[in-house]
C-alpha atoms as a PDB file:
ATOM      1  CA  MET A   1      11.588  -7.554   7.330  1.00  0.00           C
ATOM      2  CA  GLY A   2       8.552  -9.319   8.741  1.00  0.00           C
ATOM      3  CA  LEU A   3       7.289 -12.746   7.774  1.00  0.00           C
ATOM      4  CA  ASP A   4       4.551 -11.303   5.548  1.00  0.00           C
ATOM      5  CA  ALA A   5       7.120  -9.215   3.682  1.00  0.00           C
ATOM      6  CA  ILE A   6       9.393 -12.216   3.197  1.00  0.00           C
ATOM      7  CA  GLU A   7       6.542 -14.384   1.945  1.00  0.00           C
ATOM      8  CA  LEU A   8       5.485 -11.650  -0.466  1.00  0.00           C
ATOM      9  CA  LEU A   9       9.052 -11.213  -1.715  1.00  0.00           C
ATOM     10  CA  LEU A  10       9.406 -14.956  -2.294  1.00  0.00           C
ATOM     11  CA  ALA A  11       6.078 -15.037  -4.142  1.00  0.00           C
ATOM     12  CA  VAL A  12       7.163 -12.123  -6.357  1.00  0.00           C
ATOM     13  CA  GLU A  13      10.471 -13.826  -7.124  1.00  0.00           C
ATOM     14  CA  GLU A  14       8.671 -17.052  -8.004  1.00  0.00           C
ATOM     15  CA  MET A  15       5.958 -15.416 -10.115  1.00  0.00           C
ATOM     16  CA  PHE A  16       8.379 -13.313 -12.142  1.00  0.00           C
ATOM     17  CA  GLU A  17      11.276 -15.812 -12.074  1.00  0.00           C
ATOM     18  CA  ILE A  18      13.770 -13.271 -10.745  1.00  0.00           C
ATOM     19  CA  ASP A  19      15.953 -12.783  -7.701  1.00  0.00           C
ATOM     20  CA  ILE A  20      15.595  -9.629  -5.618  1.00  0.00           C
ATOM     21  CA  PRO A  21      18.579  -9.076  -3.323  1.00  0.00           C
ATOM     22  CA  ASP A  22      17.695  -7.928   0.198  1.00  0.00           C
ATOM     23  CA  GLY A  23      19.410  -4.572  -0.368  1.00  0.00           C
ATOM     24  CA  ASP A  24      17.266  -3.894  -3.420  1.00  0.00           C
ATOM     25  CA  ALA A  25      14.111  -5.038  -1.647  1.00  0.00           C
ATOM     26  CA  ALA A  26      14.791  -2.616   1.208  1.00  0.00           C
ATOM     27  CA  ARG A  27      14.832   0.308  -1.253  1.00  0.00           C
ATOM     28  CA  LEU A  28      11.493  -0.595  -2.861  1.00  0.00           C
ATOM     29  CA  LEU A  29       9.083   1.501  -0.837  1.00  0.00           C
ATOM     30  CA  THR A  30       6.029   1.566  -3.108  1.00  0.00           C
ATOM     31  CA  VAL A  31       4.169  -0.916  -5.273  1.00  0.00           C
ATOM     32  CA  GLY A  32       5.068   1.212  -8.307  1.00  0.00           C
ATOM     33  CA  GLN A  33       8.770   1.037  -7.494  1.00  0.00           C
ATOM     34  CA  LEU A  34       8.490  -2.740  -7.250  1.00  0.00           C
ATOM     35  CA  ALA A  35       6.643  -2.900 -10.583  1.00  0.00           C
ATOM     36  CA  ASP A  36       9.331  -0.759 -12.252  1.00  0.00           C
ATOM     37  CA  TYR A  37      12.095  -2.870 -10.702  1.00  0.00           C
ATOM     38  CA  ILE A  38      10.513  -6.100 -11.930  1.00  0.00           C
ATOM     39  CA  ALA A  39      10.013  -4.698 -15.448  1.00  0.00           C
ATOM     40  CA  VAL A  40      13.687  -3.668 -15.639  1.00  0.00           C
ATOM     41  CA  LYS A  41      14.787  -7.099 -14.387  1.00  0.00           C
ATOM     42  CA  GLN A  42      12.539  -8.779 -16.950  1.00  0.00           C
ATOM     43  CA  HIS A  43      14.039  -6.705 -19.764  1.00  0.00           C
ATOM     44  CA  SER A  44      17.579  -7.503 -18.569  1.00  0.00           C
ATOM     45  CA  LEU A  45      16.683 -11.189 -18.871  1.00  0.00           C
ATOM     46  CA  GLY A  46      15.476 -10.700 -22.446  1.00  0.00           C
ATOM     47  CA  ARG A  47      11.774 -10.790 -21.631  1.00  0.00           C
ATOM     48  CA  ALA A  48      10.809  -7.811 -23.776  1.00  0.00           C
ATOM     49  CA  ASN A  49       7.015  -8.134 -23.669  1.00  0.00           C
ATOM     50  CA  VAL A  50       6.792  -6.926 -20.077  1.00  0.00           C
ATOM     51  CA  ASN A  51       6.262  -3.384 -18.846  1.00  0.00           C
ATOM     52  CA  ALA A  52       5.538  -1.824 -15.468  1.00  0.00           C
ATOM     53  CA  ASN A  53       1.780  -1.605 -16.158  1.00  0.00           C
ATOM     54  CA  ILE A  54       1.533  -5.320 -16.877  1.00  0.00           C
ATOM     55  CA  VAL A  55       3.559  -6.077 -13.762  1.00  0.00           C
ATOM     56  CA  LEU A  56       1.386  -3.748 -11.672  1.00  0.00           C
ATOM     57  CA  ASP A  57      -1.732  -5.608 -12.797  1.00  0.00           C
ATOM     58  CA  GLN A  58      -0.178  -8.879 -11.677  1.00  0.00           C
ATOM     59  CA  LEU A  59       0.895  -7.377  -8.354  1.00  0.00           C
ATOM     60  CA  ARG A  60      -2.705  -6.253  -7.773  1.00  0.00           C
ATOM     61  CA  THR A  61      -3.577  -9.939  -7.547  1.00  0.00           C
ATOM     62  CA  LEU A  62      -0.506 -11.166  -5.687  1.00  0.00           C
ATOM     63  CA  ILE A  63      -0.263  -8.518  -2.967  1.00  0.00           C
ATOM     64  CA  PRO A  64      -3.861  -8.707  -1.694  1.00  0.00           C
ATOM     65  CA  TYR A  65      -3.559 -12.485  -1.509  1.00  0.00           C
ATOM     66  CA  HIS A  66      -0.400 -12.366   0.610  1.00  0.00           C
ATOM     67  CA  LEU A  67      -1.180  -9.308   2.719  1.00  0.00           C
ATOM     68  CA  ASN A  68      -4.948  -9.763   3.021  1.00  0.00           C
ATOM     69  CA  VAL A  69      -5.709  -6.229   1.857  1.00  0.00           C
ATOM     70  CA  GLU A  70      -8.353  -5.032  -0.565  1.00  0.00           C
ATOM     71  CA  PRO A  71      -7.140  -4.938  -4.195  1.00  0.00           C
ATOM     72  CA  GLU A  72      -8.228  -1.289  -4.412  1.00  0.00           C
ATOM     73  CA  ARG A  73      -5.478  -0.400  -1.941  1.00  0.00           C
ATOM     74  CA  VAL A  74      -2.793  -1.786  -4.238  1.00  0.00           C
ATOM     75  CA  THR A  75      -1.934   1.221  -6.384  1.00  0.00           C
ATOM     76  CA  ALA A  76       1.383   2.336  -7.831  1.00  0.00           C
ATOM     77  CA  ASN A  77       1.671   4.950  -5.074  1.00  0.00           C
ATOM     78  CA  ALA A  78       0.763   2.573  -2.245  1.00  0.00           C
ATOM     79  CA  LYS A  79       3.567   2.339   0.296  1.00  0.00           C
ATOM     80  CA  PHE A  80       4.361  -1.128   1.565  1.00  0.00           C
ATOM     81  CA  LYS A  81       4.660   0.154   5.121  1.00  0.00           C
ATOM     82  CA  ASP A  82       1.039   1.307   4.920  1.00  0.00           C
ATOM     83  CA  LEU A  83      -0.108  -2.014   3.510  1.00  0.00           C
ATOM     84  CA  TYR A  84       1.772  -3.890   6.254  1.00  0.00           C
ATOM     85  CA  ASP A  85       0.449  -1.550   8.946  1.00  0.00           C
ATOM     86  CA  PHE A  86      -3.037  -2.481   7.821  1.00  0.00           C
ATOM     87  CA  LEU A  87      -2.465  -6.104   8.871  1.00  0.00           C
END
């Protein structure tokens, strides 16, 4: 995992107040998978007013900031490897 990926992961954990184990992070290949993962974690913590669409909207702000990519590239189907390769 590169430095950009680690910084993004830490920012996601901070923003959503969750922990993402490295093994789980390695299996999250798309932005949509990350959004779904976060929504499930939020629900498991009793934060019921969160869904994957809300999370995706927040990720569309966070990811471009940390990876210096255009917000339009941050879609549910966007693969992290493609976003990192853009750097």
